[in-house]
Amino acid sequence: MSPSTDALKTLHGQVVVLDLASPFVVVGTLSGEDHRYLVLDDADMHDLRDSSTTRELYVLDTRRHGVGANRRRVLVNRSDIVGVSLLDDVVT
């Protein structure tokens, strides 16, 4: 998947959820992009294998309690992304 640059520009400066093909989910503020990476600041890069929760419950808890950032900045390869959404769009 290669998210459209125009669609992503509307998300700059906002907290987004990146669902990855791997057992990772990344939540953070979209601050930039190039042809290969999306850049998220103040991000939580969570390996779902490290917890007993599902992806959906983890994202819902993040929506309710806020982002527990464990990275100042992370670059996420576009080819690993299967979904991009605003954290505010997560239904509680």
PDB file of N, CA and C in Angstrom:
ATOM      1  N   MET A   1       0.842  -1.173   0.000  1.00  0.00           N
ATOM      2  CA  MET A   1       0.000   0.000   0.000  1.00  0.00           C
ATOM      3  C   MET A   1       0.888   1.237   0.000  1.00  0.00           C
ATOM      4  N   SER A   2       0.516   2.228  -0.759  1.00  0.00           N
ATOM      5  CA  SER A   2       1.232   3.486  -0.776  1.00  0.00           C
ATOM      6  C   SER A   2       0.223   4.608  -0.606  1.00  0.00           C
ATOM      7  N   PRO A   3       0.005   5.058   0.636  1.00  0.00           N
ATOM      8  CA  PRO A   3      -1.009   6.087   0.870  1.00  0.00           C
ATOM      9  C   PRO A   3      -0.762   7.309  -0.002  1.00  0.00           C
ATOM     10  N   SER A   4      -1.819   7.888  -0.512  1.00  0.00           N
ATOM     11  CA  SER A   4      -1.747   9.066  -1.358  1.00  0.00           C
ATOM     12  C   SER A   4      -1.180  10.247  -0.598  1.00  0.00           C
ATOM     13  N   THR A   5      -0.254  10.945  -1.226  1.00  0.00           N
ATOM     14  CA  THR A   5       0.339  12.119  -0.600  1.00  0.00           C
ATOM     15  C   THR A   5      -0.710  13.185  -0.327  1.00  0.00           C
ATOM     16  N   ASP A   6      -1.640  13.407  -1.255  1.00  0.00           N
ATOM     17  CA  ASP A   6      -2.677  14.424  -1.043  1.00  0.00           C
ATOM     18  C   ASP A   6      -3.542  14.086   0.165  1.00  0.00           C
ATOM     19  N   ALA A   7      -3.942  12.852   0.288  1.00  0.00           N
ATOM     20  CA  ALA A   7      -4.765  12.442   1.428  1.00  0.00           C
ATOM     21  C   ALA A   7      -3.994  12.587   2.728  1.00  0.00           C
ATOM     22  N   LEU A   8      -2.716  12.280   2.712  1.00  0.00           N
ATOM     23  CA  LEU A   8      -1.907  12.376   3.927  1.00  0.00           C
ATOM     24  C   LEU A   8      -1.660  13.811   4.348  1.00  0.00           C
ATOM     25  N   LYS A   9      -1.572  14.716   3.404  1.00  0.00           N
ATOM     26  CA  LYS A   9      -1.327  16.126   3.743  1.00  0.00           C
ATOM     27  C   LYS A   9      -2.417  16.659   4.677  1.00  0.00           C
ATOM     28  N   THR A  10      -3.639  16.176   4.530  1.00  0.00           N
ATOM     29  CA  THR A  10      -4.726  16.624   5.410  1.00  0.00           C
ATOM     30  C   THR A  10      -4.556  16.102   6.834  1.00  0.00           C
ATOM     31  N   LEU A  11      -3.702  15.091   7.016  1.00  0.00           N
ATOM     32  CA  LEU A  11      -3.494  14.492   8.333  1.00  0.00           C
ATOM     33  C   LEU A  11      -2.261  15.031   9.051  1.00  0.00           C
ATOM     34  N   HIS A  12      -1.444  15.835   8.363  1.00  0.00           N
ATOM     35  CA  HIS A  12      -0.226  16.371   8.979  1.00  0.00           C
ATOM     36  C   HIS A  12      -0.564  17.161  10.242  1.00  0.00           C
ATOM     37  N   GLY A  13       0.230  16.932  11.275  1.00  0.00           N
ATOM     38  CA  GLY A  13       0.044  17.629  12.538  1.00  0.00           C
ATOM     39  C   GLY A  13      -1.001  17.009  13.440  1.00  0.00           C
ATOM     40  N   GLN A  14      -1.605  15.915  12.985  1.00  0.00           N
ATOM     41  CA  GLN A  14      -2.639  15.248  13.773  1.00  0.00           C
ATOM     42  C   GLN A  14      -2.152  13.874  14.228  1.00  0.00           C
ATOM     43  N   VAL A  15      -2.763  13.366  15.282  1.00  0.00           N
ATOM     44  CA  VAL A  15      -2.403  12.046  15.801  1.00  0.00           C
ATOM     45  C   VAL A  15      -3.092  10.978  14.945  1.00  0.00           C
ATOM     46  N   VAL A  16      -2.270  10.081  14.393  1.00  0.00           N
ATOM     47  CA  VAL A  16      -2.773   9.027  13.516  1.00  0.00           C
ATOM     48  C   VAL A  16      -2.430   7.649  14.067  1.00  0.00           C
ATOM     49  N   VAL A  17      -3.186   6.676  13.599  1.00  0.00           N
ATOM     50  CA  VAL A  17      -2.947   5.266  13.893  1.00  0.00           C
ATOM     51  C   VAL A  17      -2.491   4.617  12.597  1.00  0.00           C
ATOM     52  N   LEU A  18      -1.344   3.951  12.634  1.00  0.00           N
ATOM     53  CA  LEU A  18      -0.872   3.178  11.488  1.00  0.00           C
ATOM     54  C   LEU A  18      -0.998   1.705  11.844  1.00  0.00           C
ATOM     55  N   ASP A  19      -1.862   1.014  11.138  1.00  0.00           N
ATOM     56  CA  ASP A  19      -1.950  -0.440  11.265  1.00  0.00           C
ATOM     57  C   ASP A  19      -0.962  -1.025  10.277  1.00  0.00           C
ATOM     58  N   LEU A  20      -0.091  -1.895  10.769  1.00  0.00           N
ATOM     59  CA  LEU A  20       0.938  -2.475   9.926  1.00  0.00           C
ATOM     60  C   LEU A  20       0.621  -3.931   9.622  1.00  0.00           C
ATOM     61  N   ALA A  21       1.195  -4.437   8.550  1.00  0.00           N
ATOM     62  CA  ALA A  21       0.997  -5.835   8.175  1.00  0.00           C
ATOM     63  C   ALA A  21       1.599  -6.765   9.233  1.00  0.00           C
ATOM     64  N   SER A  22       2.617  -6.304   9.908  1.00  0.00           N
ATOM     65  CA  SER A  22       3.249  -7.060  10.983  1.00  0.00           C
ATOM     66  C   SER A  22       2.414  -6.890  12.257  1.00  0.00           C
ATOM     67  N   PRO A  23       2.805  -7.553  13.336  1.00  0.00           N
ATOM     68  CA  PRO A  23       2.045  -7.403  14.584  1.00  0.00           C
ATOM     69  C   PRO A  23       2.391  -6.120  15.342  1.00  0.00           C
ATOM     70  N   PHE A  24       2.588  -5.034  14.613  1.00  0.00           N
ATOM     71  CA  PHE A  24       2.859  -3.729  15.211  1.00  0.00           C
ATOM     72  C   PHE A  24       1.733  -2.770  14.886  1.00  0.00           C
ATOM     73  N   VAL A  25       1.515  -1.840  15.790  1.00  0.00           N
ATOM     74  CA  VAL A  25       0.636  -0.698  15.556  1.00  0.00           C
ATOM     75  C   VAL A  25       1.407   0.522  16.045  1.00  0.00           C
ATOM     76  N   VAL A  26       1.333   1.603  15.287  1.00  0.00           N
ATOM     77  CA  VAL A  26       2.065   2.825  15.633  1.00  0.00           C
ATOM     78  C   VAL A  26       1.066   3.969  15.729  1.00  0.00           C
ATOM     79  N   VAL A  27       1.149   4.709  16.829  1.00  0.00           N
ATOM     80  CA  VAL A  27       0.277   5.861  17.039  1.00  0.00           C
ATOM     81  C   VAL A  27       1.168   7.063  17.339  1.00  0.00           C
ATOM     82  N   GLY A  28       0.953   8.155  16.611  1.00  0.00           N
ATOM     83  CA  GLY A  28       1.743   9.346  16.848  1.00  0.00           C
ATOM     84  C   GLY A  28       1.303  10.483  15.951  1.00  0.00           C
ATOM     85  N   THR A  29       1.989  11.601  16.068  1.00  0.00           N
ATOM     86  CA  THR A  29       1.660  12.787  15.292  1.00  0.00           C
ATOM     87  C   THR A  29       2.377  12.734  13.948  1.00  0.00           C
ATOM     88  N   LEU A  30       1.607  12.733  12.877  1.00  0.00           N
ATOM     89  CA  LEU A  30       2.184  12.697  11.533  1.00  0.00           C
ATOM     90  C   LEU A  30       2.874  14.024  11.266  1.00  0.00           C
ATOM     91  N   SER A  31       4.192  13.968  11.074  1.00  0.00           N
ATOM     92  CA  SER A  31       4.956  15.203  10.896  1.00  0.00           C
ATOM     93  C   SER A  31       5.610  15.319   9.532  1.00  0.00           C
ATOM     94  N   GLY A  32       5.653  14.246   8.774  1.00  0.00           N
ATOM     95  CA  GLY A  32       6.288  14.310   7.466  1.00  0.00           C
ATOM     96  C   GLY A  32       6.146  13.014   6.707  1.00  0.00           C
ATOM     97  N   GLU A  33       6.649  13.059   5.476  1.00  0.00           N
ATOM     98  CA  GLU A  33       6.586  11.886   4.612  1.00  0.00           C
ATOM     99  C   GLU A  33       7.521  12.084   3.440  1.00  0.00           C
ATOM    100  N   ASP A  34       7.908  10.984   2.850  1.00  0.00           N
ATOM    101  CA  ASP A  34       8.585  11.008   1.570  1.00  0.00           C
ATOM    102  C   ASP A  34       8.123   9.789   0.800  1.00  0.00           C
ATOM    103  N   HIS A  35       8.803   9.474  -0.278  1.00  0.00           N
ATOM    104  CA  HIS A  35       8.347   8.372  -1.125  1.00  0.00           C
ATOM    105  C   HIS A  35       8.431   7.017  -0.435  1.00  0.00           C
ATOM    106  N   ARG A  36       9.208   6.897   0.627  1.00  0.00           N
ATOM    107  CA  ARG A  36       9.400   5.616   1.290  1.00  0.00           C
ATOM    108  C   ARG A  36       8.815   5.557   2.706  1.00  0.00           C
ATOM    109  N   TYR A  37       8.806   6.674   3.428  1.00  0.00           N
ATOM    110  CA  TYR A  37       8.450   6.652   4.852  1.00  0.00           C
ATOM    111  C   TYR A  37       7.380   7.670   5.218  1.00  0.00           C
ATOM    112  N   LEU A  38       6.616   7.328   6.266  1.00  0.00           N
ATOM    113  CA  LEU A  38       5.817   8.300   6.999  1.00  0.00           C
ATOM    114  C   LEU A  38       6.583   8.570   8.285  1.00  0.00           C
ATOM    115  N   VAL A  39       6.612   9.822   8.713  1.00  0.00           N
ATOM    116  CA  VAL A  39       7.336  10.218   9.913  1.00  0.00           C
ATOM    117  C   VAL A  39       6.320  10.582  10.984  1.00  0.00           C
ATOM    118  N   LEU A  40       6.426   9.923  12.133  1.00  0.00           N
ATOM    119  CA  LEU A  40       5.557  10.216  13.275  1.00  0.00           C
ATOM    120  C   LEU A  40       6.409  10.677  14.439  1.00  0.00           C
ATOM    121  N   ASP A  41       5.970  11.764  15.084  1.00  0.00           N
ATOM    122  CA  ASP A  41       6.641  12.286  16.274  1.00  0.00           C
ATOM    123  C   ASP A  41       5.842  11.908  17.512  1.00  0.00           C
ATOM    124  N   ASP A  42       6.543  11.864  18.652  1.00  0.00           N
ATOM    125  CA  ASP A  42       5.914  11.515  19.931  1.00  0.00           C
ATOM    126  C   ASP A  42       5.035  10.284  19.759  1.00  0.00           C
ATOM    127  N   ALA A  43       5.659   9.227  19.284  1.00  0.00           N
ATOM    128  CA  ALA A  43       4.933   8.034  18.847  1.00  0.00           C
ATOM    129  C   ALA A  43       5.029   6.873  19.834  1.00  0.00           C
ATOM    130  N   ASP A  44       4.012   6.054  19.790  1.00  0.00           N
ATOM    131  CA  ASP A  44       3.978   4.787  20.510  1.00  0.00           C
ATOM    132  C   ASP A  44       4.068   3.694  19.453  1.00  0.00           C
ATOM    133  N   MET A  45       5.187   2.994  19.434  1.00  0.00           N
ATOM    134  CA  MET A  45       5.359   1.856  18.528  1.00  0.00           C
ATOM    135  C   MET A  45       5.174   0.610  19.372  1.00  0.00           C
ATOM    136  N   HIS A  46       4.043  -0.057  19.169  1.00  0.00           N
ATOM    137  CA  HIS A  46       3.659  -1.160  20.053  1.00  0.00           C
ATOM    138  C   HIS A  46       3.680  -2.494  19.306  1.00  0.00           C
ATOM    139  N   ASP A  47       4.410  -3.441  19.875  1.00  0.00           N
ATOM    140  CA  ASP A  47       4.465  -4.811  19.368  1.00  0.00           C
ATOM    141  C   ASP A  47       3.376  -5.600  20.088  1.00  0.00           C
ATOM    142  N   LEU A  48       2.365  -5.999  19.356  1.00  0.00           N
ATOM    143  CA  LEU A  48       1.229  -6.694  19.962  1.00  0.00           C
ATOM    144  C   LEU A  48       1.612  -8.054  20.538  1.00  0.00           C
ATOM    145  N   ARG A  49       2.763  -8.581  20.153  1.00  0.00           N
ATOM    146  CA  ARG A  49       3.216  -9.853  20.731  1.00  0.00           C
ATOM    147  C   ARG A  49       3.655  -9.675  22.177  1.00  0.00           C
ATOM    148  N   ASP A  50       3.864  -8.417  22.598  1.00  0.00           N
ATOM    149  CA  ASP A  50       4.295  -8.143  23.972  1.00  0.00           C
ATOM    150  C   ASP A  50       3.136  -7.992  24.949  1.00  0.00           C
ATOM    151  N   SER A  51       1.909  -8.142  24.468  1.00  0.00           N
ATOM    152  CA  SER A  51       0.756  -8.004  25.356  1.00  0.00           C
ATOM    153  C   SER A  51      -0.308  -9.024  24.973  1.00  0.00           C
ATOM    154  N   SER A  52      -1.276  -9.165  25.850  1.00  0.00           N
ATOM    155  CA  SER A  52      -2.348 -10.131  25.592  1.00  0.00           C
ATOM    156  C   SER A  52      -3.562  -9.477  24.939  1.00  0.00           C
ATOM    157  N   THR A  53      -3.483  -8.190  24.644  1.00  0.00           N
ATOM    158  CA  THR A  53      -4.613  -7.469  24.068  1.00  0.00           C
ATOM    159  C   THR A  53      -4.629  -7.590  22.548  1.00  0.00           C
ATOM    160  N   THR A  54      -5.774  -7.323  21.980  1.00  0.00           N
ATOM    161  CA  THR A  54      -5.898  -7.300  20.521  1.00  0.00           C
ATOM    162  C   THR A  54      -5.521  -5.914  20.001  1.00  0.00           C
ATOM    163  N   ARG A  55      -5.307  -5.826  18.719  1.00  0.00           N
ATOM    164  CA  ARG A  55      -5.002  -4.541  18.077  1.00  0.00           C
ATOM    165  C   ARG A  55      -6.120  -3.537  18.336  1.00  0.00           C
ATOM    166  N   GLU A  56      -7.367  -3.983  18.179  1.00  0.00           N
ATOM    167  CA  GLU A  56      -8.513  -3.093  18.341  1.00  0.00           C
ATOM    168  C   GLU A  56      -8.614  -2.558  19.762  1.00  0.00           C
ATOM    169  N   LEU A  57      -8.427  -3.422  20.745  1.00  0.00           N
ATOM    170  CA  LEU A  57      -8.511  -2.983  22.141  1.00  0.00           C
ATOM    171  C   LEU A  57      -7.349  -2.066  22.510  1.00  0.00           C
ATOM    172  N   TYR A  58      -6.176  -2.351  21.973  1.00  0.00           N
ATOM    173  CA  TYR A  58      -5.023  -1.495  22.253  1.00  0.00           C
ATOM    174  C   TYR A  58      -5.256  -0.080  21.718  1.00  0.00           C
ATOM    175  N   VAL A  59      -5.745   0.014  20.488  1.00  0.00           N
ATOM    176  CA  VAL A  59      -6.011   1.321  19.881  1.00  0.00           C
ATOM    177  C   VAL A  59      -7.134   2.031  20.631  1.00  0.00           C
ATOM    178  N   LEU A  60      -8.154   1.304  21.026  1.00  0.00           N
ATOM    179  CA  LEU A  60      -9.252   1.898  21.797  1.00  0.00           C
ATOM    180  C   LEU A  60      -8.746   2.432  23.139  1.00  0.00           C
ATOM    181  N   ASP A  61      -7.898   1.683  23.826  1.00  0.00           N
ATOM    182  CA  ASP A  61      -7.324   2.161  25.088  1.00  0.00           C
ATOM    183  C   ASP A  61      -6.469   3.413  24.865  1.00  0.00           C
ATOM    184  N   THR A  62      -5.743   3.449  23.752  1.00  0.00           N
ATOM    185  CA  THR A  62      -4.939   4.631  23.431  1.00  0.00           C
ATOM    186  C   THR A  62      -5.842   5.829  23.192  1.00  0.00           C
ATOM    187  N   ARG A  63      -6.947   5.617  22.538  1.00  0.00           N
ATOM    188  CA  ARG A  63      -7.915   6.705  22.295  1.00  0.00           C
ATOM    189  C   ARG A  63      -8.455   7.243  23.620  1.00  0.00           C
ATOM    190  N   ARG A  64      -8.759   6.339  24.531  1.00  0.00           N
ATOM    191  CA  ARG A  64      -9.336   6.735  25.819  1.00  0.00           C
ATOM    192  C   ARG A  64      -8.333   7.410  26.750  1.00  0.00           C
ATOM    193  N   HIS A  65      -7.078   6.916  26.751  1.00  0.00           N
ATOM    194  CA  HIS A  65      -6.103   7.335  27.758  1.00  0.00           C
ATOM    195  C   HIS A  65      -4.966   8.184  27.206  1.00  0.00           C
ATOM    196  N   GLY A  66      -4.891   8.330  25.900  1.00  0.00           N
ATOM    197  CA  GLY A  66      -3.825   9.118  25.302  1.00  0.00           C
ATOM    198  C   GLY A  66      -2.654   8.260  24.843  1.00  0.00           C
ATOM    199  N   VAL A  67      -1.802   8.871  24.048  1.00  0.00           N
ATOM    200  CA  VAL A  67      -0.648   8.171  23.474  1.00  0.00           C
ATOM    201  C   VAL A  67       0.455   8.066  24.517  1.00  0.00           C
ATOM    202  N   GLY A  68       0.890   6.866  24.766  1.00  0.00           N
ATOM    203  CA  GLY A  68       2.025   6.619  25.663  1.00  0.00           C
ATOM    204  C   GLY A  68       3.294   6.557  24.833  1.00  0.00           C
ATOM    205  N   ALA A  69       3.799   7.717  24.449  1.00  0.00           N
ATOM    206  CA  ALA A  69       4.933   7.775  23.527  1.00  0.00           C
ATOM    207  C   ALA A  69       6.158   7.060  24.084  1.00  0.00           C
ATOM    208  N   ASN A  70       6.771   6.241  23.230  1.00  0.00           N
ATOM    209  CA  ASN A  70       8.038   5.596  23.564  1.00  0.00           C
ATOM    210  C   ASN A  70       9.104   5.882  22.503  1.00  0.00           C
ATOM    211  N   ARG A  71       8.783   6.747  21.559  1.00  0.00           N
ATOM    212  CA  ARG A  71       9.718   7.200  20.533  1.00  0.00           C
ATOM    213  C   ARG A  71       9.501   8.696  20.289  1.00  0.00           C
ATOM    214  N   ARG A  72      10.571   9.472  20.229  1.00  0.00           N
ATOM    215  CA  ARG A  72      10.437  10.889  19.853  1.00  0.00           C
ATOM    216  C   ARG A  72      10.067  11.003  18.384  1.00  0.00           C
ATOM    217  N   ARG A  73      10.663  10.143  17.571  1.00  0.00           N
ATOM    218  CA  ARG A  73      10.398  10.148  16.130  1.00  0.00           C
ATOM    219  C   ARG A  73      10.591   8.732  15.605  1.00  0.00           C
ATOM    220  N   VAL A  74       9.697   8.334  14.715  1.00  0.00           N
ATOM    221  CA  VAL A  74       9.823   7.027  14.087  1.00  0.00           C
ATOM    222  C   VAL A  74       9.475   7.173  12.610  1.00  0.00           C
ATOM    223  N   LEU A  75      10.246   6.504  11.765  1.00  0.00           N
ATOM    224  CA  LEU A  75       9.975   6.443  10.335  1.00  0.00           C
ATOM    225  C   LEU A  75       9.378   5.079  10.042  1.00  0.00           C
ATOM    226  N   VAL A  76       8.223   5.065   9.411  1.00  0.00           N
ATOM    227  CA  VAL A  76       7.528   3.813   9.123  1.00  0.00           C
ATOM    228  C   VAL A  76       7.500   3.624   7.615  1.00  0.00           C
ATOM    229  N   ASN A  77       7.992   2.485   7.167  1.00  0.00           N
ATOM    230  CA  ASN A  77       8.028   2.188   5.744  1.00  0.00           C
ATOM    231  C   ASN A  77       6.610   2.063   5.198  1.00  0.00           C
ATOM    232  N   ARG A  78       6.323   2.825   4.148  1.00  0.00           N
ATOM    233  CA  ARG A  78       4.984   2.814   3.549  1.00  0.00           C
ATOM    234  C   ARG A  78       4.540   1.415   3.127  1.00  0.00           C
ATOM    235  N   SER A  79       5.483   0.585   2.695  1.00  0.00           N
ATOM    236  CA  SER A  79       5.108  -0.745   2.205  1.00  0.00           C
ATOM    237  C   SER A  79       4.583  -1.646   3.321  1.00  0.00           C
ATOM    238  N   ASP A  80       4.824  -1.280   4.585  1.00  0.00           N
ATOM    239  CA  ASP A  80       4.345  -2.068   5.723  1.00  0.00           C
ATOM    240  C   ASP A  80       2.961  -1.643   6.202  1.00  0.00           C
ATOM    241  N   ILE A  81       2.466  -0.511   5.695  1.00  0.00           N
ATOM    242  CA  ILE A  81       1.220   0.065   6.198  1.00  0.00           C
ATOM    243  C   ILE A  81       0.014  -0.535   5.483  1.00  0.00           C
ATOM    244  N   VAL A  82      -0.961  -0.998   6.275  1.00  0.00           N
ATOM    245  CA  VAL A  82      -2.212  -1.504   5.692  1.00  0.00           C
ATOM    246  C   VAL A  82      -3.388  -0.579   5.987  1.00  0.00           C
ATOM    247  N   GLY A  83      -3.199   0.360   6.923  1.00  0.00           N
ATOM    248  CA  GLY A  83      -4.276   1.306   7.225  1.00  0.00           C
ATOM    249  C   GLY A  83      -3.761   2.517   7.963  1.00  0.00           C
ATOM    250  N   VAL A  84      -4.354   3.680   7.638  1.00  0.00           N
ATOM    251  CA  VAL A  84      -4.035   4.945   8.296  1.00  0.00           C
ATOM    252  C   VAL A  84      -5.345   5.592   8.699  1.00  0.00           C
ATOM    253  N   SER A  85      -5.443   6.000   9.974  1.00  0.00           N
ATOM    254  CA  SER A  85      -6.648   6.701  10.419  1.00  0.00           C
ATOM    255  C   SER A  85      -6.272   7.689  11.501  1.00  0.00           C
ATOM    256  N   LEU A  86      -7.134   8.671  11.689  1.00  0.00           N
ATOM    257  CA  LEU A  86      -6.967   9.581  12.817  1.00  0.00           C
ATOM    258  C   LEU A  86      -7.317   8.857  14.103  1.00  0.00           C
ATOM    259  N   LEU A  87      -6.566   9.114  15.165  1.00  0.00           N
ATOM    260  CA  LEU A  87      -6.930   8.526  16.452  1.00  0.00           C
ATOM    261  C   LEU A  87      -8.315   8.997  16.870  1.00  0.00           C
ATOM    262  N   ASP A  88      -8.650  10.243  16.531  1.00  0.00           N
ATOM    263  CA  ASP A  88      -9.978  10.775  16.853  1.00  0.00           C
ATOM    264  C   ASP A  88     -11.109  10.034  16.135  1.00  0.00           C
ATOM    265  N   ASP A  89     -10.788   9.302  15.066  1.00  0.00           N
ATOM    266  CA  ASP A  89     -11.805   8.554  14.327  1.00  0.00           C
ATOM    267  C   ASP A  89     -12.043   7.155  14.884  1.00  0.00           C
ATOM    268  N   VAL A  90     -11.266   6.762  15.894  1.00  0.00           N
ATOM    269  CA  VAL A  90     -11.483   5.463  16.543  1.00  0.00           C
ATOM    270  C   VAL A  90     -12.779   5.548  17.329  1.00  0.00           C
ATOM    271  N   VAL A  91     -13.685   4.637  17.066  1.00  0.00           N
ATOM    272  CA  VAL A  91     -15.008   4.648  17.689  1.00  0.00           C
ATOM    273  C   VAL A  91     -14.915   4.061  19.083  1.00  0.00           C
ATOM    274  N   THR A  92     -15.423   4.839  20.067  1.00  0.00           N
ATOM    275  CA  THR A  92     -15.373   4.365  21.464  1.00  0.00           C
ATOM    276  C   THR A  92     -16.714   3.771  21.858  1.00  0.00           C
TER     277      THR A  92
END
